[in-house]
N, C-alpha and C. Protein backbone atom coordinates (compact mmCIF):
# COMPACT_ATOMS: atom_id res chain seq x y z
N MET A 1 147.04 8.82 72.75
CA MET A 1 146.12 9.46 71.49
C MET A 1 146.74 10.85 71.72
N LYS A 2 147.13 11.28 70.54
CA LYS A 2 147.35 12.96 70.46
C LYS A 2 146.41 13.82 70.65
N GLN A 3 146.21 14.79 71.07
CA GLN A 3 145.19 15.73 71.10
C GLN A 3 145.51 16.94 70.24
N ARG A 4 144.48 17.42 69.49
CA ARG A 4 144.62 18.53 68.48
C ARG A 4 145.03 19.85 69.25
N PRO A 5 145.82 20.61 68.60
CA PRO A 5 146.00 21.77 69.22
C PRO A 5 144.66 22.69 69.27
N PHE A 6 144.44 23.48 70.29
CA PHE A 6 143.31 24.54 70.39
C PHE A 6 143.21 25.40 69.17
N GLY A 7 142.12 25.30 68.75
CA GLY A 7 141.72 26.24 67.45
C GLY A 7 142.10 25.72 66.17
N ALA A 8 142.62 24.29 66.19
CA ALA A 8 142.85 23.75 64.95
C ALA A 8 141.54 23.58 64.16
N THR A 9 140.58 23.30 64.68
CA THR A 9 139.12 23.09 64.02
C THR A 9 138.44 24.40 63.60
N VAL A 10 138.78 25.28 64.57
CA VAL A 10 138.07 26.66 64.74
C VAL A 10 138.47 27.24 63.08
N ILE A 11 139.61 27.36 62.98
CA ILE A 11 140.34 28.11 61.90
C ILE A 11 139.50 27.74 60.60
N PRO A 12 139.57 26.54 60.22
CA PRO A 12 138.85 26.16 59.05
C PRO A 12 137.51 26.44 58.84
N THR A 13 136.96 26.31 59.98
CA THR A 13 135.57 26.69 59.87
C THR A 13 135.36 28.20 59.36
N LEU A 14 136.06 28.98 60.32
CA LEU A 14 135.87 30.42 59.97
C LEU A 14 136.33 30.63 58.45
N LYS A 15 137.40 29.94 57.84
CA LYS A 15 137.50 30.21 56.39
C LYS A 15 136.40 29.68 55.55
N ALA A 16 135.75 28.74 55.98
CA ALA A 16 134.68 28.05 55.08
C ALA A 16 133.40 29.16 55.24
N MET A 17 133.53 29.67 56.33
CA MET A 17 132.45 30.72 56.41
C MET A 17 132.64 31.91 55.54
N ALA A 18 134.01 32.27 55.61
CA ALA A 18 134.22 33.58 54.71
C ALA A 18 134.01 33.31 53.25
N LEU A 19 134.41 32.05 53.10
CA LEU A 19 134.46 31.64 51.44
C LEU A 19 132.84 31.76 51.19
N VAL A 20 132.10 31.08 52.01
CA VAL A 20 130.62 31.27 51.62
C VAL A 20 129.99 32.69 51.60
N ALA A 21 130.56 33.45 52.54
CA ALA A 21 129.92 34.95 52.29
C ALA A 21 130.44 35.59 51.08
N LEU A 22 131.87 35.03 50.65
CA LEU A 22 132.35 35.94 49.57
C LEU A 22 131.51 35.38 48.35
N ALA A 23 131.14 33.98 48.52
CA ALA A 23 130.23 33.60 47.02
C ALA A 23 128.95 34.26 47.05
N VAL A 24 128.27 34.31 48.09
CA VAL A 24 127.16 35.14 48.18
C VAL A 24 127.20 36.66 47.58
N PHE A 25 128.29 37.33 48.28
CA PHE A 25 128.30 38.64 47.88
C PHE A 25 128.93 38.68 46.25
N THR A 26 129.45 37.97 45.64
CA THR A 26 129.82 37.55 44.40
C THR A 26 128.67 37.58 43.57
N PHE A 27 127.79 36.41 43.74
CA PHE A 27 126.60 36.27 43.28
C PHE A 27 125.85 37.40 43.40
N ALA A 28 125.64 38.18 44.41
CA ALA A 28 124.66 39.61 44.36
C ALA A 28 125.05 40.48 43.50
N VAL A 29 126.57 40.60 43.34
CA VAL A 29 127.09 41.52 42.29
C VAL A 29 126.63 41.36 40.97
N VAL A 30 127.04 39.87 40.80
CA VAL A 30 126.48 39.62 39.35
C VAL A 30 125.06 39.59 39.03
N ALA A 31 124.33 39.27 39.89
CA ALA A 31 122.65 39.42 39.80
C ALA A 31 122.36 40.71 39.52
N THR A 32 123.04 41.82 40.06
CA THR A 32 122.54 43.42 39.88
C THR A 32 123.35 43.83 38.62
N GLY A 33 124.06 43.29 37.75
CA GLY A 33 124.56 43.81 36.54
C GLY A 33 125.90 44.23 36.91
N GLY A 34 126.54 44.06 37.87
CA GLY A 34 127.86 44.50 38.23
C GLY A 34 127.93 45.46 39.20
N CYS A 35 126.62 46.02 39.72
CA CYS A 35 126.68 47.25 40.75
C CYS A 35 126.59 46.62 41.87
N SER A 36 127.18 47.27 42.80
CA SER A 36 126.96 46.71 44.29
C SER A 36 125.64 47.44 44.88
N SER A 37 125.19 48.56 44.17
CA SER A 37 124.11 49.13 44.84
C SER A 37 123.21 49.82 43.51
N SER A 38 122.25 49.80 43.53
CA SER A 38 121.26 50.15 42.19
C SER A 38 119.90 50.32 42.92
N THR A 39 119.56 51.91 42.33
CA THR A 39 118.27 52.28 42.68
C THR A 39 117.48 52.91 41.45
N THR A 40 116.35 52.70 41.17
CA THR A 40 115.80 53.31 40.07
C THR A 40 115.02 54.43 40.57
N PRO A 41 115.32 55.79 39.71
CA PRO A 41 114.75 56.94 39.99
C PRO A 41 113.27 57.01 39.97
N ASN A 42 112.55 57.66 40.75
CA ASN A 42 110.92 57.89 40.39
C ASN A 42 110.81 58.83 39.47
N VAL A 43 110.01 58.52 38.37
CA VAL A 43 109.67 59.62 37.41
C VAL A 43 108.71 60.53 37.89
N VAL A 44 108.57 61.65 37.80
CA VAL A 44 107.55 62.67 38.11
C VAL A 44 107.19 63.44 37.09
N ASN A 45 105.87 63.49 36.59
CA ASN A 45 105.41 64.17 35.71
C ASN A 45 105.39 65.84 36.18
N SER A 46 105.88 66.54 34.99
CA SER A 46 105.75 67.97 35.29
C SER A 46 104.41 68.38 35.36
N PRO A 47 104.19 69.38 36.30
CA PRO A 47 102.85 69.95 36.42
C PRO A 47 102.42 70.76 35.11
N THR A 48 101.27 70.79 34.99
CA THR A 48 100.78 71.67 33.63
C THR A 48 100.78 73.04 34.44
N PRO A 49 101.31 73.93 33.53
CA PRO A 49 101.71 75.25 33.77
C PRO A 49 100.12 76.06 33.94
N ILE A 50 99.90 76.79 35.03
CA ILE A 50 98.83 77.43 35.07
C ILE A 50 99.07 78.91 35.06
N ALA A 51 98.14 79.59 34.28
CA ALA A 51 98.23 80.90 33.99
C ALA A 51 98.05 81.75 35.27
N SER A 52 98.98 82.84 35.30
CA SER A 52 99.07 83.78 36.45
C SER A 52 97.94 84.51 36.45
N ALA A 53 97.43 85.07 37.74
CA ALA A 53 96.18 85.76 37.78
C ALA A 53 96.18 87.17 37.03
N GLY A 54 97.46 87.68 36.63
CA GLY A 54 97.51 89.03 35.75
C GLY A 54 97.44 88.48 34.27
N SER A 55 97.52 87.51 33.92
CA SER A 55 97.53 86.96 32.40
C SER A 55 96.16 87.29 31.69
N PRO A 56 96.19 88.26 30.71
CA PRO A 56 94.91 88.36 29.96
C PRO A 56 94.08 87.33 29.38
N THR A 57 92.74 87.45 29.50
CA THR A 57 91.82 86.24 29.02
C THR A 57 91.53 86.51 27.45
N PRO A 58 92.00 85.69 26.61
CA PRO A 58 91.51 85.89 25.16
C PRO A 58 90.10 86.19 24.97
N LYS A 59 89.79 87.23 24.26
CA LYS A 59 88.39 87.46 24.08
C LYS A 59 87.98 87.61 22.50
N PRO A 60 86.74 87.09 22.20
CA PRO A 60 86.51 86.91 20.72
C PRO A 60 86.59 88.10 19.90
N SER A 61 86.64 88.12 18.75
CA SER A 61 86.55 89.43 17.88
C SER A 61 85.14 89.94 17.70
N PRO A 62 85.19 91.29 17.93
CA PRO A 62 83.69 91.85 18.04
C PRO A 62 82.86 91.55 16.47
N THR A 63 81.63 91.35 16.66
CA THR A 63 81.02 91.31 15.39
C THR A 63 80.65 92.68 14.70
N PRO A 64 81.15 92.89 13.48
CA PRO A 64 81.22 94.24 12.82
C PRO A 64 79.57 94.40 12.81
N THR A 65 79.45 95.96 13.17
CA THR A 65 78.30 96.40 13.08
C THR A 65 77.78 96.89 11.71
N PRO A 66 76.54 96.50 11.25
CA PRO A 66 76.32 96.93 9.87
C PRO A 66 75.96 97.99 9.81
N SER A 67 76.25 98.84 8.39
CA SER A 67 76.12 100.05 8.25
C SER A 67 74.55 100.31 8.27
N PRO A 68 74.03 101.46 8.95
CA PRO A 68 72.78 101.92 8.49
C PRO A 68 72.26 102.00 7.25
N THR A 69 71.22 101.83 7.01
CA THR A 69 70.45 101.86 5.67
C THR A 69 70.13 103.39 5.55
N PRO A 70 70.61 103.92 4.49
CA PRO A 70 70.29 105.14 4.11
C PRO A 70 68.89 105.77 3.98
N THR A 71 68.71 106.96 4.20
CA THR A 71 67.16 107.20 4.34
C THR A 71 67.29 108.61 3.20
N ALA A 72 66.06 108.77 2.47
CA ALA A 72 65.96 110.05 1.90
C ALA A 72 65.41 111.15 2.36
N VAL A 73 65.89 112.47 2.01
CA VAL A 73 65.09 113.65 2.59
C VAL A 73 64.28 114.28 1.39
N ASP A 74 64.64 113.91 0.10
CA ASP A 74 64.03 114.57 -1.14
C ASP A 74 63.39 113.32 -1.86
N PHE A 75 62.00 113.56 -2.15
CA PHE A 75 61.49 112.50 -2.76
C PHE A 75 60.67 112.90 -4.22
N VAL A 76 60.75 112.45 -5.07
CA VAL A 76 60.30 112.34 -6.64
C VAL A 76 59.46 111.18 -6.88
N VAL A 77 58.29 112.06 -7.46
CA VAL A 77 57.35 110.76 -8.03
C VAL A 77 57.37 111.05 -9.59
N LEU A 78 56.96 109.73 -10.06
CA LEU A 78 56.98 109.49 -11.56
C LEU A 78 55.52 109.16 -11.93
N GLY A 79 54.72 109.69 -12.86
CA GLY A 79 53.50 109.08 -13.33
C GLY A 79 53.08 109.67 -14.71
N TYR A 80 53.14 108.91 -15.73
CA TYR A 80 52.95 109.71 -16.99
C TYR A 80 51.45 110.03 -17.15
N SER A 81 50.50 109.25 -16.79
CA SER A 81 48.88 109.92 -16.74
C SER A 81 48.55 110.65 -15.48
N GLY A 82 49.13 110.32 -14.15
CA GLY A 82 48.67 110.71 -13.24
C GLY A 82 49.19 112.14 -12.75
N VAL A 83 50.44 112.61 -13.20
CA VAL A 83 51.27 113.82 -12.94
C VAL A 83 50.93 114.79 -13.98
N PRO A 84 50.03 115.78 -14.19
CA PRO A 84 49.94 116.50 -15.29
C PRO A 84 50.94 117.28 -15.73
N PRO A 85 50.86 117.66 -16.96
CA PRO A 85 52.23 118.23 -17.51
C PRO A 85 52.02 119.70 -17.33
N THR A 86 53.36 120.59 -17.40
CA THR A 86 53.27 121.82 -17.32
C THR A 86 54.29 122.34 -18.25
N THR A 87 54.09 123.58 -18.78
CA THR A 87 55.24 124.35 -19.45
C THR A 87 55.94 125.37 -18.85
N ASP A 88 57.35 124.88 -18.93
CA ASP A 88 58.34 125.90 -17.96
C ASP A 88 58.89 126.87 -18.82
N PRO A 89 59.13 128.03 -18.49
CA PRO A 89 59.50 129.15 -19.32
C PRO A 89 61.03 128.99 -19.99
N THR A 90 61.73 128.44 -19.26
CA THR A 90 63.00 128.04 -19.59
C THR A 90 63.32 126.55 -20.40
N TYR A 91 62.66 125.74 -19.67
CA TYR A 91 62.99 124.38 -20.13
C TYR A 91 61.90 123.54 -21.10
N GLY A 92 60.62 124.40 -21.21
CA GLY A 92 59.77 123.88 -21.94
C GLY A 92 58.91 123.03 -21.28
N GLU A 93 58.34 122.09 -22.05
CA GLU A 93 57.35 120.96 -21.67
C GLU A 93 58.06 120.20 -20.52
N ILE A 94 57.47 120.00 -19.34
CA ILE A 94 57.83 119.06 -18.33
C ILE A 94 56.64 118.18 -18.22
N ASP A 95 56.91 117.01 -18.12
CA ASP A 95 55.67 115.99 -17.72
C ASP A 95 56.32 114.64 -17.25
N GLY A 96 55.21 114.23 -16.24
CA GLY A 96 55.60 113.01 -15.49
C GLY A 96 56.32 113.10 -14.53
N TYR A 97 57.10 114.11 -13.90
CA TYR A 97 57.88 113.98 -12.61
C TYR A 97 57.50 115.38 -11.76
N GLY A 98 57.28 115.17 -10.47
CA GLY A 98 57.01 116.22 -9.59
C GLY A 98 57.68 115.76 -8.20
N PRO A 99 57.90 116.95 -7.27
CA PRO A 99 58.20 116.70 -5.93
C PRO A 99 57.41 116.36 -4.81
N ALA A 100 57.53 115.64 -3.97
CA ALA A 100 56.62 115.20 -3.04
C ALA A 100 57.05 115.47 -1.42
N ALA A 101 56.49 115.68 -0.48
CA ALA A 101 56.78 116.23 0.90
C ALA A 101 57.54 114.87 1.40
N ALA A 102 56.97 113.54 1.32
CA ALA A 102 57.40 112.48 1.65
C ALA A 102 57.07 111.25 0.85
N ALA A 103 57.52 110.12 1.22
CA ALA A 103 57.01 108.83 0.43
C ALA A 103 55.69 108.61 0.19
N PRO A 104 55.40 108.38 -1.09
CA PRO A 104 53.77 108.32 -1.20
C PRO A 104 53.26 107.40 -0.77
N THR A 105 51.85 107.13 -0.25
CA THR A 105 51.18 106.09 0.11
C THR A 105 50.08 105.95 -0.61
N SER A 106 49.67 106.83 -1.40
CA SER A 106 48.28 106.68 -2.27
C SER A 106 48.85 107.26 -3.78
N SER A 107 47.94 106.76 -4.62
CA SER A 107 48.08 107.35 -5.93
C SER A 107 46.69 107.41 -6.71
N PRO A 108 46.06 108.24 -7.30
CA PRO A 108 47.16 109.63 -7.56
C PRO A 108 47.35 110.39 -6.48
N LEU A 109 48.31 111.24 -6.41
CA LEU A 109 48.63 112.25 -5.37
C LEU A 109 47.86 113.44 -5.69
N PRO A 110 47.25 113.93 -4.77
CA PRO A 110 46.33 115.33 -4.88
C PRO A 110 47.27 116.58 -4.87
N GLY A 111 47.34 117.43 -5.75
CA GLY A 111 47.82 118.65 -5.79
C GLY A 111 49.11 118.55 -6.61
N VAL A 112 49.94 117.27 -6.90
CA VAL A 112 51.06 116.98 -7.38
C VAL A 112 51.19 117.33 -9.05
N ALA A 113 51.94 118.10 -9.33
CA ALA A 113 51.92 118.58 -10.91
C ALA A 113 53.55 118.33 -11.51
N SER A 114 53.64 118.14 -12.70
CA SER A 114 54.83 118.17 -13.26
C SER A 114 55.55 119.52 -12.92
N GLN A 115 56.84 119.52 -12.91
CA GLN A 115 57.53 120.67 -12.61
C GLN A 115 58.92 120.43 -12.50
N VAL A 116 59.84 121.76 -12.69
CA VAL A 116 61.20 121.58 -12.27
C VAL A 116 61.47 121.38 -11.00
N ILE A 117 62.27 120.41 -10.57
CA ILE A 117 62.47 120.02 -9.08
C ILE A 117 63.83 120.60 -8.52
N THR A 118 63.64 121.36 -7.60
CA THR A 118 64.67 121.68 -6.92
C THR A 118 65.33 121.23 -5.73
N VAL A 119 66.51 120.83 -5.43
CA VAL A 119 66.92 120.26 -4.53
C VAL A 119 68.26 120.68 -3.90
N HIS A 120 68.95 120.35 -2.80
CA HIS A 120 70.09 120.76 -2.42
C HIS A 120 71.20 119.54 -2.59
N CYS A 121 72.62 119.99 -2.76
CA CYS A 121 73.52 119.07 -3.10
C CYS A 121 73.77 118.18 -1.68
N ASN A 122 74.54 117.23 -1.89
CA ASN A 122 74.77 116.14 -0.91
C ASN A 122 73.64 115.66 -0.05
N LYS A 123 72.57 115.50 -0.52
CA LYS A 123 71.40 115.03 -0.16
C LYS A 123 71.14 113.78 -0.58
N ASN A 124 70.05 112.80 0.31
CA ASN A 124 69.65 111.64 -0.19
C ASN A 124 68.28 111.94 -1.00
N ILE A 125 68.18 111.32 -2.25
CA ILE A 125 66.94 111.47 -2.94
C ILE A 125 66.53 110.07 -3.33
N GLN A 126 65.26 109.93 -3.46
CA GLN A 126 64.59 108.56 -3.67
C GLN A 126 63.47 109.00 -4.80
N PHE A 127 63.19 107.99 -5.67
CA PHE A 127 62.29 108.23 -6.77
C PHE A 127 61.15 107.11 -6.58
N PHE A 128 59.71 107.56 -6.96
CA PHE A 128 58.68 106.73 -6.52
C PHE A 128 57.76 106.50 -7.79
N ASN A 129 57.51 105.39 -8.32
CA ASN A 129 56.35 105.38 -9.51
C ASN A 129 54.94 105.30 -9.09
N VAL A 130 54.25 106.22 -9.33
CA VAL A 130 52.92 106.31 -8.81
C VAL A 130 51.79 105.78 -9.62
N ASP A 131 52.19 105.51 -11.04
CA ASP A 131 51.51 105.24 -12.02
C ASP A 131 51.06 103.77 -11.61
N ARG A 132 49.74 103.59 -11.81
CA ARG A 132 49.08 102.38 -11.51
C ARG A 132 49.08 101.34 -12.90
N LEU A 133 49.40 102.06 -13.96
CA LEU A 133 49.36 101.16 -15.08
C LEU A 133 50.69 101.02 -15.81
N LEU A 134 51.81 101.80 -15.62
CA LEU A 134 52.83 101.87 -16.69
C LEU A 134 54.04 101.90 -15.71
N ALA A 135 55.03 101.30 -16.14
CA ALA A 135 56.59 101.40 -15.44
C ALA A 135 57.28 102.48 -15.90
N HIS A 136 58.04 102.99 -15.30
CA HIS A 136 58.85 104.28 -15.74
C HIS A 136 60.38 104.26 -15.08
N THR A 137 61.03 105.02 -15.44
CA THR A 137 62.45 105.25 -14.91
C THR A 137 62.82 106.75 -14.74
N ALA A 138 63.73 107.08 -14.00
CA ALA A 138 64.22 108.39 -13.99
C ALA A 138 65.81 108.08 -14.14
N SER A 139 66.20 108.73 -15.38
CA SER A 139 67.35 108.31 -15.86
C SER A 139 68.15 109.79 -16.40
N SER A 140 69.44 109.93 -16.19
CA SER A 140 70.29 110.97 -16.40
C SER A 140 70.32 111.25 -17.93
N LEU A 141 70.15 112.59 -18.48
CA LEU A 141 70.33 112.90 -19.84
C LEU A 141 71.40 113.81 -19.94
N GLY A 142 72.13 114.19 -19.01
CA GLY A 142 72.96 114.89 -19.06
C GLY A 142 72.84 116.49 -18.37
N ALA A 143 73.83 117.58 -18.56
CA ALA A 143 73.64 118.89 -17.94
C ALA A 143 72.40 119.54 -19.03
N ALA A 144 71.69 120.45 -18.26
CA ALA A 144 70.63 121.03 -19.18
C ALA A 144 71.35 122.12 -20.13
N THR A 145 70.65 122.03 -21.23
CA THR A 145 71.14 123.10 -22.03
C THR A 145 70.11 123.73 -22.87
N PRO A 146 69.14 124.28 -22.00
CA PRO A 146 67.95 124.95 -22.48
C PRO A 146 68.01 125.89 -23.67
N PRO A 147 67.05 125.95 -24.69
CA PRO A 147 65.89 125.03 -24.69
C PRO A 147 65.92 123.66 -25.26
N VAL A 148 67.23 123.40 -25.66
CA VAL A 148 67.39 122.18 -26.37
C VAL A 148 67.30 121.06 -25.39
N TRP A 149 66.73 119.85 -25.85
CA TRP A 149 66.81 118.42 -25.17
C TRP A 149 67.44 117.60 -26.05
N PRO A 150 68.25 116.68 -25.52
CA PRO A 150 68.95 115.88 -26.25
C PRO A 150 68.21 114.69 -26.83
N SER A 151 68.81 113.88 -27.78
CA SER A 151 68.13 112.63 -27.95
C SER A 151 68.58 111.55 -26.69
N TRP A 152 67.78 110.51 -26.80
CA TRP A 152 68.09 109.50 -25.78
C TRP A 152 69.50 109.07 -25.61
N ASN A 153 70.16 109.33 -24.60
CA ASN A 153 71.52 109.07 -24.44
C ASN A 153 72.21 108.25 -23.23
N ASN A 154 71.12 107.84 -22.33
CA ASN A 154 71.28 107.06 -21.19
C ASN A 154 71.66 105.47 -21.46
N VAL A 155 72.77 105.01 -21.20
CA VAL A 155 73.17 103.52 -21.55
C VAL A 155 72.56 102.57 -20.56
N ASN A 156 72.07 102.88 -19.49
CA ASN A 156 71.57 101.91 -18.57
C ASN A 156 70.03 101.75 -18.90
N GLY A 157 69.10 103.12 -18.78
CA GLY A 157 67.90 103.28 -19.06
C GLY A 157 67.05 102.20 -18.08
N ALA A 158 66.21 101.33 -18.63
CA ALA A 158 65.45 100.43 -17.76
C ALA A 158 66.23 99.15 -17.40
N ALA A 159 67.24 98.96 -17.94
CA ALA A 159 67.99 97.55 -17.80
C ALA A 159 68.60 97.47 -16.55
N ILE A 160 69.56 98.65 -16.21
CA ILE A 160 70.31 98.54 -15.12
C ILE A 160 69.97 99.56 -14.20
N ALA A 161 69.75 99.26 -12.96
CA ALA A 161 69.63 100.19 -11.88
C ALA A 161 70.84 100.68 -11.18
N SER A 162 71.42 101.95 -11.03
CA SER A 162 72.54 102.40 -10.42
C SER A 162 72.56 102.13 -9.03
N PRO A 163 73.84 101.78 -8.58
CA PRO A 163 73.98 101.41 -7.04
C PRO A 163 73.60 102.43 -6.27
N LEU A 164 73.28 101.90 -4.91
CA LEU A 164 72.95 102.86 -3.86
C LEU A 164 73.69 103.87 -3.79
N LEU A 165 73.23 104.96 -3.49
CA LEU A 165 73.88 106.40 -3.20
C LEU A 165 74.64 106.94 -4.44
N THR A 166 74.49 106.47 -5.53
CA THR A 166 75.03 106.96 -6.79
C THR A 166 74.45 108.36 -6.91
N ALA A 167 75.53 109.39 -7.22
CA ALA A 167 74.99 110.82 -7.77
C ALA A 167 74.25 110.78 -9.07
N ILE A 168 73.06 111.36 -8.91
CA ILE A 168 72.05 111.34 -9.95
C ILE A 168 72.85 112.27 -11.08
N SER A 169 73.79 113.04 -10.89
CA SER A 169 74.38 113.66 -12.04
C SER A 169 75.34 112.62 -12.79
N ASP A 170 75.64 111.53 -12.46
CA ASP A 170 76.48 110.52 -13.24
C ASP A 170 75.78 110.48 -14.34
N PRO A 171 76.73 110.46 -15.57
CA PRO A 171 75.97 110.44 -17.03
C PRO A 171 75.13 109.11 -17.07
N SER A 172 75.40 108.04 -16.43
CA SER A 172 74.79 106.88 -16.58
C SER A 172 73.78 106.44 -15.57
N PHE A 173 73.41 107.55 -14.66
CA PHE A 173 72.50 107.38 -13.57
C PHE A 173 71.28 106.80 -14.04
N SER A 174 70.64 105.76 -13.61
CA SER A 174 69.16 105.59 -13.89
C SER A 174 68.62 104.78 -12.75
N THR A 175 67.44 104.78 -12.44
CA THR A 175 66.64 104.15 -11.22
C THR A 175 66.45 102.84 -11.85
N GLY A 176 66.67 102.45 -13.15
CA GLY A 176 66.25 101.26 -13.80
C GLY A 176 64.59 101.14 -13.84
N SER A 177 64.07 100.21 -14.22
CA SER A 177 62.51 99.98 -14.48
C SER A 177 61.79 100.11 -12.99
N LEU A 178 60.79 101.17 -12.83
CA LEU A 178 60.26 100.99 -11.44
C LEU A 178 58.58 100.61 -11.94
N GLY A 179 58.75 99.61 -11.27
CA GLY A 179 57.22 98.77 -11.42
C GLY A 179 56.00 99.62 -10.96
N VAL A 180 54.68 99.15 -11.27
CA VAL A 180 53.53 99.98 -11.22
C VAL A 180 53.31 100.07 -9.66
N PHE A 181 52.62 101.15 -9.00
CA PHE A 181 52.34 101.32 -7.90
C PHE A 181 51.05 100.41 -7.38
N PRO A 182 51.09 99.89 -6.20
CA PRO A 182 52.14 100.14 -5.14
C PRO A 182 52.93 98.82 -4.76
N SER A 183 53.48 98.12 -5.78
CA SER A 183 54.55 97.09 -5.67
C SER A 183 55.81 97.81 -4.95
N THR A 184 56.47 96.63 -4.32
CA THR A 184 57.67 97.09 -3.61
C THR A 184 58.86 97.71 -4.84
N LEU A 185 58.44 97.19 -6.20
CA LEU A 185 59.38 97.39 -7.05
C LEU A 185 59.05 98.87 -7.53
N SER A 186 58.14 99.63 -7.14
CA SER A 186 58.05 100.95 -7.61
C SER A 186 58.78 101.97 -7.02
N THR A 187 59.44 101.54 -5.95
CA THR A 187 60.31 102.43 -5.02
C THR A 187 61.76 102.07 -5.70
N SER A 188 62.67 103.22 -5.73
CA SER A 188 64.12 103.28 -6.08
C SER A 188 64.93 102.85 -4.96
N ALA A 189 66.05 102.75 -5.26
CA ALA A 189 67.18 102.76 -4.34
C ALA A 189 67.38 104.26 -3.69
N VAL A 190 67.90 104.42 -2.65
CA VAL A 190 68.40 105.58 -2.33
C VAL A 190 69.63 106.38 -2.96
N TYR A 191 69.40 107.53 -3.41
CA TYR A 191 70.51 108.15 -4.41
C TYR A 191 71.03 109.24 -3.73
N SER A 192 72.11 109.99 -4.22
CA SER A 192 72.75 111.13 -3.78
C SER A 192 72.44 112.34 -4.76
N THR A 193 72.25 113.64 -4.32
CA THR A 193 72.15 114.71 -5.10
C THR A 193 73.52 115.07 -5.91
N GLY A 194 74.41 114.58 -4.84
CA GLY A 194 76.03 115.04 -5.69
C GLY A 194 76.42 115.96 -4.98
N PRO A 195 77.69 116.39 -5.14
CA PRO A 195 78.35 117.65 -4.44
C PRO A 195 78.55 118.74 -5.27
N THR A 196 77.79 118.57 -6.69
CA THR A 196 78.15 119.72 -7.67
C THR A 196 76.69 120.32 -7.80
N ALA A 197 76.86 121.61 -7.89
CA ALA A 197 75.52 122.45 -8.36
C ALA A 197 75.49 122.35 -9.92
N GLY A 198 73.84 122.57 -10.39
CA GLY A 198 73.87 122.48 -11.59
C GLY A 198 72.37 122.00 -11.85
N VAL A 199 72.09 122.04 -13.31
CA VAL A 199 70.89 121.66 -13.76
C VAL A 199 70.95 120.44 -14.33
N LEU A 200 70.12 119.34 -14.21
CA LEU A 200 70.19 117.96 -15.05
C LEU A 200 69.24 117.76 -15.54
N TYR A 201 69.10 117.31 -16.63
CA TYR A 201 68.03 116.68 -17.40
C TYR A 201 67.83 115.13 -17.12
N VAL A 202 66.40 114.94 -17.00
CA VAL A 202 65.97 113.67 -16.53
C VAL A 202 64.83 113.03 -17.49
N GLY A 203 64.97 111.85 -18.02
CA GLY A 203 63.96 111.55 -18.75
C GLY A 203 63.59 109.94 -18.50
N ASP A 204 62.46 109.59 -18.99
CA ASP A 204 61.97 108.11 -19.01
C ASP A 204 62.22 107.58 -20.16
N TYR A 205 62.78 106.15 -19.88
CA TYR A 205 63.37 105.31 -20.84
C TYR A 205 61.97 105.17 -21.85
N TYR A 206 60.68 104.88 -21.26
CA TYR A 206 59.78 104.35 -22.02
C TYR A 206 58.99 105.39 -22.92
N PHE A 207 59.00 106.68 -22.15
CA PHE A 207 57.91 107.76 -22.75
C PHE A 207 58.77 109.02 -23.11
N TYR A 208 60.06 109.06 -23.08
CA TYR A 208 60.86 110.22 -23.50
C TYR A 208 60.60 110.59 -24.98
N PRO A 209 60.62 109.56 -25.81
CA PRO A 209 60.32 109.89 -27.20
C PRO A 209 58.83 110.02 -27.77
N ASP A 210 57.83 110.00 -26.79
CA ASP A 210 56.48 110.27 -26.85
C ASP A 210 56.25 111.77 -27.02
N ASN A 211 54.77 111.96 -27.30
CA ASN A 211 54.38 113.42 -27.32
C ASN A 211 53.16 113.40 -26.52
N PRO A 212 53.28 114.12 -25.22
CA PRO A 212 54.35 115.18 -24.80
C PRO A 212 55.52 113.94 -24.21
N PRO A 213 56.63 114.46 -24.35
CA PRO A 213 57.81 113.60 -23.68
C PRO A 213 57.65 113.66 -22.19
N MET A 214 57.99 112.46 -21.66
CA MET A 214 57.99 112.33 -20.02
C MET A 214 59.53 112.61 -19.76
N ARG A 215 59.54 113.90 -19.04
CA ARG A 215 61.01 114.41 -18.61
C ARG A 215 60.64 115.62 -17.87
N THR A 216 61.98 116.03 -17.35
CA THR A 216 61.97 117.22 -16.32
C THR A 216 63.41 117.58 -16.35
N ALA A 217 63.49 118.81 -15.52
CA ALA A 217 64.81 119.20 -15.08
C ALA A 217 65.07 119.23 -13.60
N ILE A 218 65.97 118.57 -13.19
CA ILE A 218 66.60 118.71 -11.57
C ILE A 218 67.23 119.74 -11.38
N ASN A 219 67.25 120.92 -10.44
CA ASN A 219 68.07 122.05 -10.15
C ASN A 219 68.69 121.53 -8.85
N ILE A 220 70.12 121.43 -8.76
CA ILE A 220 70.75 121.00 -7.60
C ILE A 220 71.47 122.43 -7.14
N LEU A 221 71.34 122.83 -6.09
CA LEU A 221 71.67 124.10 -5.59
C LEU A 221 72.65 123.57 -4.39
N CYS A 222 73.85 124.33 -4.12
CA CYS A 222 74.86 124.25 -3.37
C CYS A 222 74.97 125.66 -2.46
N PRO A 223 75.27 125.51 -1.03
CA PRO A 223 75.42 126.86 -0.32
C PRO A 223 76.53 127.48 -0.84
């Protein structure tokens, strides 16, 4: 019997093992899409930025401060029956308007009589009806031209009250209709005496045409 040379069976065996290894490697490459090595990167979420310590903190807008309500320093009372008439040497008969030291709290007001009213310019003025029976107005009739008084010429009269702080020398100035005392409607808005010196005629929408006429003159003085 002939003997096989040494290594005759070993070599084929090694070749077979190599072929198997090559087949396993090829299968692995195909299974991984043709790449010998592949790793999937980890996705890391970016952190939310944090404001630095020196960043300013937003602040809400400040609430607007309301303007203060103006207050009067000059007071004029109206009353056709409760404020007695007088005769002025320059302006003739004056009736139904008189000055007061403060806002009236009672009616009739003792010691108050109709007269020419003197005030200073750029002051706040307010009108009060102290008549318990009748409504009245204080309405501009224009610059005084004594001894002549004009016919009624105010376009607002009782219908429209002038806005807050209107100058009483405005040709259309009127308090509007002031109700009977002591209702809240018997008090006018606060107005201004204006920046200009002069004498102003003022009359009542309801009783200016009557006899005696309800009227006065307001003398505005400037320093």
